[in-house]
């Protein structure tokens, strides 16, 4: 459904045989919706694109993961749940794409001058569903017009209205189907997807650790740190854990600190939503590895 300029053909890449990929199709509508909801919420809240819209777009583009549209089995096989073509407008967002670089050919419906036609074009292959959704939001956030203005960003990123968001996605040229926005809105209502938007636009302003300085540990001992963000209803509360010297004390992404060798280091929890918000703890390790 994506406008991507001229039809392309890649040497050595054959058109996907949807029938041979039928095993990748979802068995029910509900099965696909259950799968896509948490991924759309995570990506949408992290990158400020309404999760309800993102989930509904995936449902529409894939025909419920191939359940209601057998011609989308390849989209499930190659984790391309948003019809992301190999050629995407221009290279102004090249530094932001997370696409690994592989592609495949697929037949796809397009509307030109109000007339539905079918073409064969080149589509992106992703390593995961989440990677596809992130790539789409990167496109929406960073793709620019020839004059330097953002093509979608000002209209859709941070827009808290699902009706206005998807209308702008269509009007600004992401898809050729004139009913695209209406179809997405129907799906949002049918599956009550606005529940995914809870916390949207509420950003982390502070990070606090469960322990105050300092933390002393003997070599080999572990300690579970926890991080709390404010406000409590922030849409994307995840933090990234780092150690200034993992040879002294390492930390997992769940906050488990393990003493490795004598010395001192700093363990830090950084908000993934607002990286300037962080909290640190001095760790002192005594003893030897034996």
C-alpha atoms as a PDB file:
ATOM      1  CA  UNK A   1       0.000   0.000   0.000  1.00  0.00           C
ATOM      2  CA  UNK A   2       3.013   2.247   0.246  1.00  0.00           C
ATOM      3  CA  UNK A   3       3.909   4.896  -2.293  1.00  0.00           C
ATOM      4  CA  UNK A   4       7.544   4.320  -3.137  1.00  0.00           C
ATOM      5  CA  UNK A   5       8.098   5.677  -6.613  1.00  0.00           C
ATOM      6  CA  UNK A   6       8.833   3.485  -9.598  1.00  0.00           C
ATOM      7  CA  UNK A   7       8.348  -0.263  -9.578  1.00  0.00           C
ATOM      8  CA  UNK A   8      11.660  -1.993  -9.010  1.00  0.00           C
ATOM      9  CA  UNK A   9      13.035  -5.392  -9.919  1.00  0.00           C
ATOM     10  CA  UNK A  10      16.022  -6.950  -8.176  1.00  0.00           C
ATOM     11  CA  UNK A  11      18.256  -9.373 -10.013  1.00  0.00           C
ATOM     12  CA  UNK A  12      18.255 -12.846  -8.520  1.00  0.00           C
ATOM     13  CA  UNK A  13      15.251 -12.245  -6.267  1.00  0.00           C
ATOM     14  CA  UNK A  14      12.080 -14.024  -7.352  1.00  0.00           C
ATOM     15  CA  UNK A  15       8.551 -12.982  -6.499  1.00  0.00           C
ATOM     16  CA  UNK A  16       7.286 -14.564  -3.279  1.00  0.00           C
ATOM     17  CA  UNK A  17       4.995 -17.553  -3.727  1.00  0.00           C
ATOM     18  CA  UNK A  18       2.263 -16.831  -1.196  1.00  0.00           C
ATOM     19  CA  UNK A  19       0.812 -20.345  -1.381  1.00  0.00           C
ATOM     20  CA  UNK A  20       4.129 -21.963  -0.496  1.00  0.00           C
ATOM     21  CA  UNK A  21       4.355 -19.651   2.534  1.00  0.00           C
ATOM     22  CA  UNK A  22       0.843 -20.380   3.789  1.00  0.00           C
ATOM     23  CA  UNK A  23       2.232 -22.046   6.903  1.00  0.00           C
ATOM     24  CA  UNK A  24       3.231 -18.630   8.223  1.00  0.00           C
ATOM     25  CA  UNK A  25      -0.345 -17.307   8.207  1.00  0.00           C
ATOM     26  CA  UNK A  26      -2.131 -16.751  11.512  1.00  0.00           C
ATOM     27  CA  UNK A  27      -5.052 -19.080  12.238  1.00  0.00           C
ATOM     28  CA  UNK A  28      -7.507 -16.494  13.612  1.00  0.00           C
ATOM     29  CA  UNK A  29      -8.003 -12.748  13.791  1.00  0.00           C
ATOM     30  CA  UNK A  30      -7.708 -12.877  17.572  1.00  0.00           C
ATOM     31  CA  UNK A  31      -4.359 -14.661  17.424  1.00  0.00           C
ATOM     32  CA  UNK A  32      -2.823 -11.909  15.318  1.00  0.00           C
ATOM     33  CA  UNK A  33      -4.296  -9.091  17.403  1.00  0.00           C
ATOM     34  CA  UNK A  34      -2.936 -10.657  20.602  1.00  0.00           C
ATOM     35  CA  UNK A  35       0.514 -10.828  19.045  1.00  0.00           C
ATOM     36  CA  UNK A  36       0.674  -7.310  17.639  1.00  0.00           C
ATOM     37  CA  UNK A  37      -0.835  -5.373  20.569  1.00  0.00           C
ATOM     38  CA  UNK A  38       2.130  -5.440  23.002  1.00  0.00           C
ATOM     39  CA  UNK A  39       4.689  -4.816  20.255  1.00  0.00           C
ATOM     40  CA  UNK A  40       2.768  -1.821  18.909  1.00  0.00           C
ATOM     41  CA  UNK A  41       2.383  -0.424  22.421  1.00  0.00           C
ATOM     42  CA  UNK A  42       6.087  -0.777  23.198  1.00  0.00           C
ATOM     43  CA  UNK A  43       7.284   0.791  19.954  1.00  0.00           C
ATOM     44  CA  UNK A  44       4.592   3.471  19.830  1.00  0.00           C
ATOM     45  CA  UNK A  45       5.158   4.707  23.382  1.00  0.00           C
ATOM     46  CA  UNK A  46       8.924   4.652  22.998  1.00  0.00           C
ATOM     47  CA  UNK A  47       8.954   6.654  19.759  1.00  0.00           C
ATOM     48  CA  UNK A  48       5.884   8.834  20.310  1.00  0.00           C
ATOM     49  CA  UNK A  49       3.609   7.352  17.631  1.00  0.00           C
ATOM     50  CA  UNK A  50       0.115   6.326  18.754  1.00  0.00           C
ATOM     51  CA  UNK A  51       0.159   2.573  19.504  1.00  0.00           C
ATOM     52  CA  UNK A  52      -3.511   2.180  18.550  1.00  0.00           C
ATOM     53  CA  UNK A  53      -2.794   3.470  15.044  1.00  0.00           C
ATOM     54  CA  UNK A  54       0.335   1.347  14.696  1.00  0.00           C
ATOM     55  CA  UNK A  55      -1.471  -1.848  15.711  1.00  0.00           C
ATOM     56  CA  UNK A  56      -4.433  -1.162  13.412  1.00  0.00           C
ATOM     57  CA  UNK A  57      -2.132  -0.454  10.473  1.00  0.00           C
ATOM     58  CA  UNK A  58      -0.436  -3.817  10.956  1.00  0.00           C
ATOM     59  CA  UNK A  59      -3.803  -5.580  11.103  1.00  0.00           C
ATOM     60  CA  UNK A  60      -4.917  -3.865   7.897  1.00  0.00           C
ATOM     61  CA  UNK A  61      -1.662  -4.241   5.957  1.00  0.00           C
ATOM     62  CA  UNK A  62      -1.313  -7.963   6.711  1.00  0.00           C
ATOM     63  CA  UNK A  63      -4.975  -8.942   6.648  1.00  0.00           C
ATOM     64  CA  UNK A  64      -4.763 -10.188  10.245  1.00  0.00           C
ATOM     65  CA  UNK A  65      -1.412 -11.814   9.652  1.00  0.00           C
ATOM     66  CA  UNK A  66      -2.570 -13.565   6.505  1.00  0.00           C
ATOM     67  CA  UNK A  67      -5.745 -14.954   8.080  1.00  0.00           C
ATOM     68  CA  UNK A  68      -8.158 -12.914   5.951  1.00  0.00           C
ATOM     69  CA  UNK A  69      -5.754 -12.257   3.074  1.00  0.00           C
ATOM     70  CA  UNK A  70      -3.725 -15.249   1.850  1.00  0.00           C
ATOM     71  CA  UNK A  71      -1.660 -12.944  -0.360  1.00  0.00           C
ATOM     72  CA  UNK A  72       0.115 -11.516   2.694  1.00  0.00           C
ATOM     73  CA  UNK A  73       1.775 -14.723   3.925  1.00  0.00           C
ATOM     74  CA  UNK A  74       5.161 -13.417   2.770  1.00  0.00           C
ATOM     75  CA  UNK A  75       4.753 -10.336   4.965  1.00  0.00           C
ATOM     76  CA  UNK A  76       4.573 -12.621   8.002  1.00  0.00           C
ATOM     77  CA  UNK A  77       7.443 -14.807   6.806  1.00  0.00           C
ATOM     78  CA  UNK A  78       9.699 -11.766   6.387  1.00  0.00           C
ATOM     79  CA  UNK A  79       8.394  -9.775   9.381  1.00  0.00           C
ATOM     80  CA  UNK A  80       7.261  -6.890   7.160  1.00  0.00           C
ATOM     81  CA  UNK A  81       3.925  -6.084   8.818  1.00  0.00           C
ATOM     82  CA  UNK A  82       3.607  -2.566   7.394  1.00  0.00           C
ATOM     83  CA  UNK A  83       4.311  -3.021   3.695  1.00  0.00           C
ATOM     84  CA  UNK A  84       7.697  -1.301   3.899  1.00  0.00           C
ATOM     85  CA  UNK A  85       9.202  -1.202   0.421  1.00  0.00           C
ATOM     86  CA  UNK A  86      12.892  -1.330  -0.372  1.00  0.00           C
ATOM     87  CA  UNK A  87      12.707   2.160  -1.862  1.00  0.00           C
ATOM     88  CA  UNK A  88      11.209   4.549   0.683  1.00  0.00           C
ATOM     89  CA  UNK A  89      10.771   8.118  -0.633  1.00  0.00           C
ATOM     90  CA  UNK A  90      14.474   9.098  -0.553  1.00  0.00           C
ATOM     91  CA  UNK A  91      17.637   8.635   1.527  1.00  0.00           C
ATOM     92  CA  UNK A  92      17.078  11.574   3.907  1.00  0.00           C
ATOM     93  CA  UNK A  93      16.362   9.151   6.756  1.00  0.00           C
ATOM     94  CA  UNK A  94      19.107   6.660   5.857  1.00  0.00           C
ATOM     95  CA  UNK A  95      20.952   7.300   9.122  1.00  0.00           C
ATOM     96  CA  UNK A  96      17.879   6.322  11.157  1.00  0.00           C
ATOM     97  CA  UNK A  97      16.662   3.166   9.424  1.00  0.00           C
ATOM     98  CA  UNK A  98      17.073  -0.138  11.272  1.00  0.00           C
ATOM     99  CA  UNK A  99      16.444  -2.258   8.164  1.00  0.00           C
ATOM    100  CA  UNK A 100      19.140  -4.987   7.846  1.00  0.00           C
ATOM    101  CA  UNK A 101      19.281  -4.554   4.069  1.00  0.00           C
ATOM    102  CA  UNK A 102      17.729  -7.741   2.623  1.00  0.00           C
ATOM    103  CA  UNK A 103      14.634  -7.687   0.392  1.00  0.00           C
ATOM    104  CA  UNK A 104      12.154  -9.793  -1.560  1.00  0.00           C
ATOM    105  CA  UNK A 105       9.698  -9.283  -4.421  1.00  0.00           C
ATOM    106  CA  UNK A 106       5.947  -9.293  -3.847  1.00  0.00           C
ATOM    107  CA  UNK A 107       2.744  -8.587  -5.752  1.00  0.00           C
ATOM    108  CA  UNK A 108       0.862  -5.713  -4.143  1.00  0.00           C
ATOM    109  CA  UNK A 109      -2.334  -3.696  -4.748  1.00  0.00           C
ATOM    110  CA  UNK A 110      -1.987   0.038  -5.468  1.00  0.00           C
ATOM    111  CA  UNK A 111      -4.460   2.790  -6.289  1.00  0.00           C
ATOM    112  CA  UNK A 112      -3.575   5.146  -9.137  1.00  0.00           C
ATOM    113  CA  UNK A 113      -6.030   7.844 -10.171  1.00  0.00           C
ATOM    114  CA  UNK A 114      -8.795   6.094  -8.258  1.00  0.00           C
ATOM    115  CA  UNK A 115      -8.193   2.812 -10.079  1.00  0.00           C
ATOM    116  CA  UNK A 116      -7.015  -0.316  -8.269  1.00  0.00           C
ATOM    117  CA  UNK A 117      -4.187  -2.172  -9.956  1.00  0.00           C
ATOM    118  CA  UNK A 118      -1.634  -4.799  -8.966  1.00  0.00           C
ATOM    119  CA  UNK A 119       2.104  -4.437  -9.379  1.00  0.00           C
ATOM    120  CA  UNK A 120       5.224  -6.326  -8.328  1.00  0.00           C
ATOM    121  CA  UNK A 121       7.678  -4.430  -6.153  1.00  0.00           C
ATOM    122  CA  UNK A 122      10.586  -4.950  -3.778  1.00  0.00           C
ATOM    123  CA  UNK A 123       9.928  -5.131  -0.030  1.00  0.00           C
ATOM    124  CA  UNK A 124      12.143  -5.102   3.047  1.00  0.00           C
ATOM    125  CA  UNK A 125      12.978  -8.190   5.077  1.00  0.00           C
ATOM    126  CA  UNK A 126      13.233  -7.693   8.845  1.00  0.00           C
ATOM    127  CA  UNK A 127      14.684  -9.822  11.621  1.00  0.00           C
ATOM    128  CA  UNK A 128      11.635  -9.307  13.853  1.00  0.00           C
ATOM    129  CA  UNK A 129       8.192  -7.695  13.970  1.00  0.00           C
ATOM    130  CA  UNK A 130       9.497  -5.076  16.393  1.00  0.00           C
ATOM    131  CA  UNK A 131      12.313  -4.131  14.023  1.00  0.00           C
ATOM    132  CA  UNK A 132       9.761  -3.511  11.263  1.00  0.00           C
ATOM    133  CA  UNK A 133       7.612  -1.286  13.466  1.00  0.00           C
ATOM    134  CA  UNK A 134      10.636   0.690  14.644  1.00  0.00           C
ATOM    135  CA  UNK A 135      11.754   1.195  11.031  1.00  0.00           C
ATOM    136  CA  UNK A 136       8.310   2.507  10.083  1.00  0.00           C
ATOM    137  CA  UNK A 137       8.310   5.005  12.948  1.00  0.00           C
ATOM    138  CA  UNK A 138      11.842   6.079  12.015  1.00  0.00           C
ATOM    139  CA  UNK A 139      10.537   6.787   8.510  1.00  0.00           C
ATOM    140  CA  UNK A 140       7.635   8.787   9.909  1.00  0.00           C
ATOM    141  CA  UNK A 141       9.991  10.698  12.197  1.00  0.00           C
ATOM    142  CA  UNK A 142      12.927  11.490   9.927  1.00  0.00           C
ATOM    143  CA  UNK A 143      12.024  11.315   6.214  1.00  0.00           C
ATOM    144  CA  UNK A 144      12.286  14.748   4.612  1.00  0.00           C
ATOM    145  CA  UNK A 145      11.020  16.418   1.468  1.00  0.00           C
ATOM    146  CA  UNK A 146      13.511  17.769  -1.101  1.00  0.00           C
ATOM    147  CA  UNK A 147      13.273  21.238   0.479  1.00  0.00           C
ATOM    148  CA  UNK A 148      14.347  19.902   3.857  1.00  0.00           C
ATOM    149  CA  UNK A 149      10.985  19.898   5.659  1.00  0.00           C
ATOM    150  CA  UNK A 150       9.882  16.730   7.457  1.00  0.00           C
ATOM    151  CA  UNK A 151       7.283  14.866   5.404  1.00  0.00           C
ATOM    152  CA  UNK A 152       5.312  13.322   8.288  1.00  0.00           C
ATOM    153  CA  UNK A 153       6.900  14.239  11.612  1.00  0.00           C
ATOM    154  CA  UNK A 154       5.030  17.435  12.498  1.00  0.00           C
ATOM    155  CA  UNK A 155       1.660  15.862  11.724  1.00  0.00           C
ATOM    156  CA  UNK A 156       1.936  12.372  13.221  1.00  0.00           C
ATOM    157  CA  UNK A 157       4.714  12.162  15.825  1.00  0.00           C
ATOM    158  CA  UNK A 158       3.254  13.097  19.192  1.00  0.00           C
ATOM    159  CA  UNK A 159      -0.258  13.463  17.768  1.00  0.00           C
ATOM    160  CA  UNK A 160      -2.640  12.160  20.451  1.00  0.00           C
ATOM    161  CA  UNK A 161      -5.676  11.872  18.128  1.00  0.00           C
ATOM    162  CA  UNK A 162      -5.853   8.579  16.279  1.00  0.00           C
ATOM    163  CA  UNK A 163      -8.248  10.030  13.700  1.00  0.00           C
ATOM    164  CA  UNK A 164      -6.002  12.987  12.887  1.00  0.00           C
ATOM    165  CA  UNK A 165      -2.858  10.862  12.962  1.00  0.00           C
ATOM    166  CA  UNK A 166      -3.989   8.293  10.413  1.00  0.00           C
ATOM    167  CA  UNK A 167      -5.648  10.957   8.246  1.00  0.00           C
ATOM    168  CA  UNK A 168      -2.309  12.778   8.006  1.00  0.00           C
ATOM    169  CA  UNK A 169      -0.495   9.506   7.266  1.00  0.00           C
ATOM    170  CA  UNK A 170      -2.754   9.008   4.240  1.00  0.00           C
ATOM    171  CA  UNK A 171      -2.940  12.625   3.094  1.00  0.00           C
ATOM    172  CA  UNK A 172       0.830  13.034   3.253  1.00  0.00           C
ATOM    173  CA  UNK A 173       1.254  10.104   0.890  1.00  0.00           C
ATOM    174  CA  UNK A 174       2.140   6.963   2.816  1.00  0.00           C
ATOM    175  CA  UNK A 175      -0.525   4.900   1.088  1.00  0.00           C
ATOM    176  CA  UNK A 176      -2.468   4.983  -2.167  1.00  0.00           C
ATOM    177  CA  UNK A 177      -5.730   3.471  -0.870  1.00  0.00           C
ATOM    178  CA  UNK A 178      -8.227   6.352  -0.496  1.00  0.00           C
ATOM    179  CA  UNK A 179     -10.045   4.434   2.267  1.00  0.00           C
ATOM    180  CA  UNK A 180      -6.893   3.644   4.247  1.00  0.00           C
ATOM    181  CA  UNK A 181      -7.588   5.969   7.169  1.00  0.00           C
ATOM    182  CA  UNK A 182     -11.235   4.943   7.440  1.00  0.00           C
ATOM    183  CA  UNK A 183     -10.239   1.276   7.498  1.00  0.00           C
ATOM    184  CA  UNK A 184      -7.676   1.890  10.255  1.00  0.00           C
ATOM    185  CA  UNK A 185     -10.221   3.800  12.344  1.00  0.00           C
ATOM    186  CA  UNK A 186     -12.738   0.962  12.036  1.00  0.00           C
ATOM    187  CA  UNK A 187     -10.139  -1.509  13.274  1.00  0.00           C
ATOM    188  CA  UNK A 188      -9.191   0.702  16.225  1.00  0.00           C
ATOM    189  CA  UNK A 189     -12.827   0.809  17.280  1.00  0.00           C
ATOM    190  CA  UNK A 190     -13.511  -2.880  16.627  1.00  0.00           C
ATOM    191  CA  UNK A 191     -10.596  -4.073  18.778  1.00  0.00           C
ATOM    192  CA  UNK A 192     -10.706  -1.254  21.368  1.00  0.00           C
ATOM    193  CA  UNK A 193      -7.099  -0.432  20.557  1.00  0.00           C
ATOM    194  CA  UNK A 194      -7.139   2.974  22.262  1.00  0.00           C
ATOM    195  CA  UNK A 195      -6.388   1.061  25.477  1.00  0.00           C
ATOM    196  CA  UNK A 196      -2.863   0.728  24.099  1.00  0.00           C
ATOM    197  CA  UNK A 197      -2.467   4.522  24.219  1.00  0.00           C
ATOM    198  CA  UNK A 198      -2.540   4.804  28.027  1.00  0.00           C
ATOM    199  CA  UNK A 199       0.458   6.903  29.064  1.00  0.00           C
ATOM    200  CA  UNK A 200       1.026   8.309  25.574  1.00  0.00           C
ATOM    201  CA  UNK A 201       2.707  11.712  25.765  1.00  0.00           C
ATOM    202  CA  UNK A 202       3.610  11.282  29.449  1.00  0.00           C
ATOM    203  CA  UNK A 203       7.403  11.307  29.648  1.00  0.00           C
ATOM    204  CA  UNK A 204       9.896  10.363  32.339  1.00  0.00           C
ATOM    205  CA  UNK A 205      11.148  13.334  34.373  1.00  0.00           C
ATOM    206  CA  UNK A 206      13.133  11.537  37.089  1.00  0.00           C
ATOM    207  CA  UNK A 207      14.855   8.243  37.860  1.00  0.00           C
ATOM    208  CA  UNK A 208      15.482   7.032  41.427  1.00  0.00           C
ATOM    209  CA  UNK A 209      17.317   3.922  42.625  1.00  0.00           C
ATOM    210  CA  UNK A 210      16.215   1.563  45.388  1.00  0.00           C
ATOM    211  CA  UNK A 211      19.492   2.074  47.293  1.00  0.00           C
ATOM    212  CA  UNK A 212      21.611   5.054  48.269  1.00  0.00           C
ATOM    213  CA  UNK A 213      25.422   5.305  48.015  1.00  0.00           C
ATOM    214  CA  UNK A 214      27.585   3.391  48.517  1.00  0.00           C
ATOM    215  CA  UNK A 215      27.107  -0.317  47.857  1.00  0.00           C
ATOM    216  CA  UNK A 216      29.896  -2.586  49.151  1.00  0.00           C
ATOM    217  CA  UNK A 217      30.149  -6.162  47.890  1.00  0.00           C
ATOM    218  CA  UNK A 218      32.682  -8.970  48.173  1.00  0.00           C
ATOM    219  CA  UNK A 219      33.832 -10.550  44.918  1.00  0.00           C
ATOM    220  CA  UNK A 220      31.257 -12.981  43.590  1.00  0.00           C
ATOM    221  CA  UNK A 221      28.317 -11.493  45.487  1.00  0.00           C
ATOM    222  CA  UNK A 222      25.277 -10.056  43.682  1.00  0.00           C
ATOM    223  CA  UNK A 223      22.766  -7.374  44.611  1.00  0.00           C
ATOM    224  CA  UNK A 224      19.429  -6.608  42.963  1.00  0.00           C
ATOM    225  CA  UNK A 225      18.985  -2.919  42.208  1.00  0.00           C
ATOM    226  CA  UNK A 226      15.662  -1.461  41.168  1.00  0.00           C
ATOM    227  CA  UNK A 227      14.894   1.801  39.412  1.00  0.00           C
ATOM    228  CA  UNK A 228      11.701   3.817  39.784  1.00  0.00           C
ATOM    229  CA  UNK A 229      10.721   6.498  37.315  1.00  0.00           C
ATOM    230  CA  UNK A 230       8.547   9.546  37.813  1.00  0.00           C
ATOM    231  CA  UNK A 231       5.804  10.165  36.992  1.00  0.00           C
ATOM    232  CA  UNK A 232       4.558   6.672  37.776  1.00  0.00           C
ATOM    233  CA  UNK A 233       2.221   6.697  34.765  1.00  0.00           C
ATOM    234  CA  UNK A 234       4.945   7.521  32.223  1.00  0.00           C
ATOM    235  CA  UNK A 235       4.210   5.760  28.960  1.00  0.00           C
ATOM    236  CA  UNK A 236       7.674   4.240  28.494  1.00  0.00           C
ATOM    237  CA  UNK A 237       9.265   3.583  31.910  1.00  0.00           C
ATOM    238  CA  UNK A 238      12.098   1.284  30.760  1.00  0.00           C
ATOM    239  CA  UNK A 239      15.657   2.037  31.825  1.00  0.00           C
ATOM    240  CA  UNK A 240      19.056   1.003  30.470  1.00  0.00           C
ATOM    241  CA  UNK A 241      21.596  -0.237  33.026  1.00  0.00           C
ATOM    242  CA  UNK A 242      25.310   0.467  32.577  1.00  0.00           C
ATOM    243  CA  UNK A 243      28.532  -0.089  34.526  1.00  0.00           C
ATOM    244  CA  UNK A 244      31.518   2.225  34.291  1.00  0.00           C
ATOM    245  CA  UNK A 245      33.804  -0.809  34.750  1.00  0.00           C
ATOM    246  CA  UNK A 246      32.337  -4.285  34.302  1.00  0.00           C
ATOM    247  CA  UNK A 247      35.612  -5.870  35.429  1.00  0.00           C
ATOM    248  CA  UNK A 248      34.773  -4.504  38.894  1.00  0.00           C
ATOM    249  CA  UNK A 249      30.988  -4.947  38.845  1.00  0.00           C
ATOM    250  CA  UNK A 250      28.725  -5.973  35.989  1.00  0.00           C
ATOM    251  CA  UNK A 251      25.021  -5.209  35.742  1.00  0.00           C
ATOM    252  CA  UNK A 252      22.296  -6.937  33.778  1.00  0.00           C
ATOM    253  CA  UNK A 253      19.412  -5.140  32.097  1.00  0.00           C
ATOM    254  CA  UNK A 254      17.224  -6.244  34.991  1.00  0.00           C
ATOM    255  CA  UNK A 255      19.460  -4.358  37.446  1.00  0.00           C
ATOM    256  CA  UNK A 256      21.304  -7.324  38.958  1.00  0.00           C
ATOM    257  CA  UNK A 257      24.767  -6.151  40.028  1.00  0.00           C
ATOM    258  CA  UNK A 258      27.506  -8.784  40.373  1.00  0.00           C
ATOM    259  CA  UNK A 259      30.924  -8.040  41.925  1.00  0.00           C
ATOM    260  CA  UNK A 260      33.719  -9.236  39.630  1.00  0.00           C
ATOM    261  CA  UNK A 261      36.997  -7.800  40.947  1.00  0.00           C
ATOM    262  CA  UNK A 262      38.468  -5.429  43.515  1.00  0.00           C
ATOM    263  CA  UNK A 263      37.974  -1.718  42.896  1.00  0.00           C
ATOM    264  CA  UNK A 264      35.182   0.780  42.481  1.00  0.00           C
ATOM    265  CA  UNK A 265      32.796   1.678  39.701  1.00  0.00           C
ATOM    266  CA  UNK A 266      29.498   3.419  39.027  1.00  0.00           C
ATOM    267  CA  UNK A 267      26.255   1.667  38.118  1.00  0.00           C
ATOM    268  CA  UNK A 268      23.782   3.893  36.276  1.00  0.00           C
ATOM    269  CA  UNK A 269      20.126   3.541  35.306  1.00  0.00           C
ATOM    270  CA  UNK A 270      19.277   5.680  32.265  1.00  0.00           C
ATOM    271  CA  UNK A 271      15.713   6.383  31.129  1.00  0.00           C
ATOM    272  CA  UNK A 272      15.191   5.080  27.598  1.00  0.00           C
ATOM    273  CA  UNK A 273      12.403   7.616  27.195  1.00  0.00           C
ATOM    274  CA  UNK A 274      14.352  10.642  28.467  1.00  0.00           C
ATOM    275  CA  UNK A 275      18.087   9.786  28.425  1.00  0.00           C
ATOM    276  CA  UNK A 276      18.976  12.937  30.358  1.00  0.00           C
ATOM    277  CA  UNK A 277      17.121  11.421  33.332  1.00  0.00           C
ATOM    278  CA  UNK A 278      19.380   8.990  35.156  1.00  0.00           C
ATOM    279  CA  UNK A 279      20.465   7.825  38.607  1.00  0.00           C
ATOM    280  CA  UNK A 280      23.816   6.383  39.685  1.00  0.00           C
ATOM    281  CA  UNK A 281      25.230   4.307  42.524  1.00  0.00           C
ATOM    282  CA  UNK A 282      28.864   3.957  43.612  1.00  0.00           C
ATOM    283  CA  UNK A 283      29.884   0.333  44.019  1.00  0.00           C
ATOM    284  CA  UNK A 284      32.951  -0.787  45.984  1.00  0.00           C
ATOM    285  CA  UNK A 285      34.212  -4.338  45.613  1.00  0.00           C
ATOM    286  CA  UNK A 286      36.639  -5.957  48.038  1.00  0.00           C
ATOM    287  CA  UNK A 287      38.405  -9.284  47.876  1.00  0.00           C
ATOM    288  CA  UNK A 288      39.809 -11.317  45.017  1.00  0.00           C
ATOM    289  CA  UNK A 289      38.568 -13.920  42.618  1.00  0.00           C
ATOM    290  CA  UNK A 290      40.537 -16.477  44.514  1.00  0.00           C
END
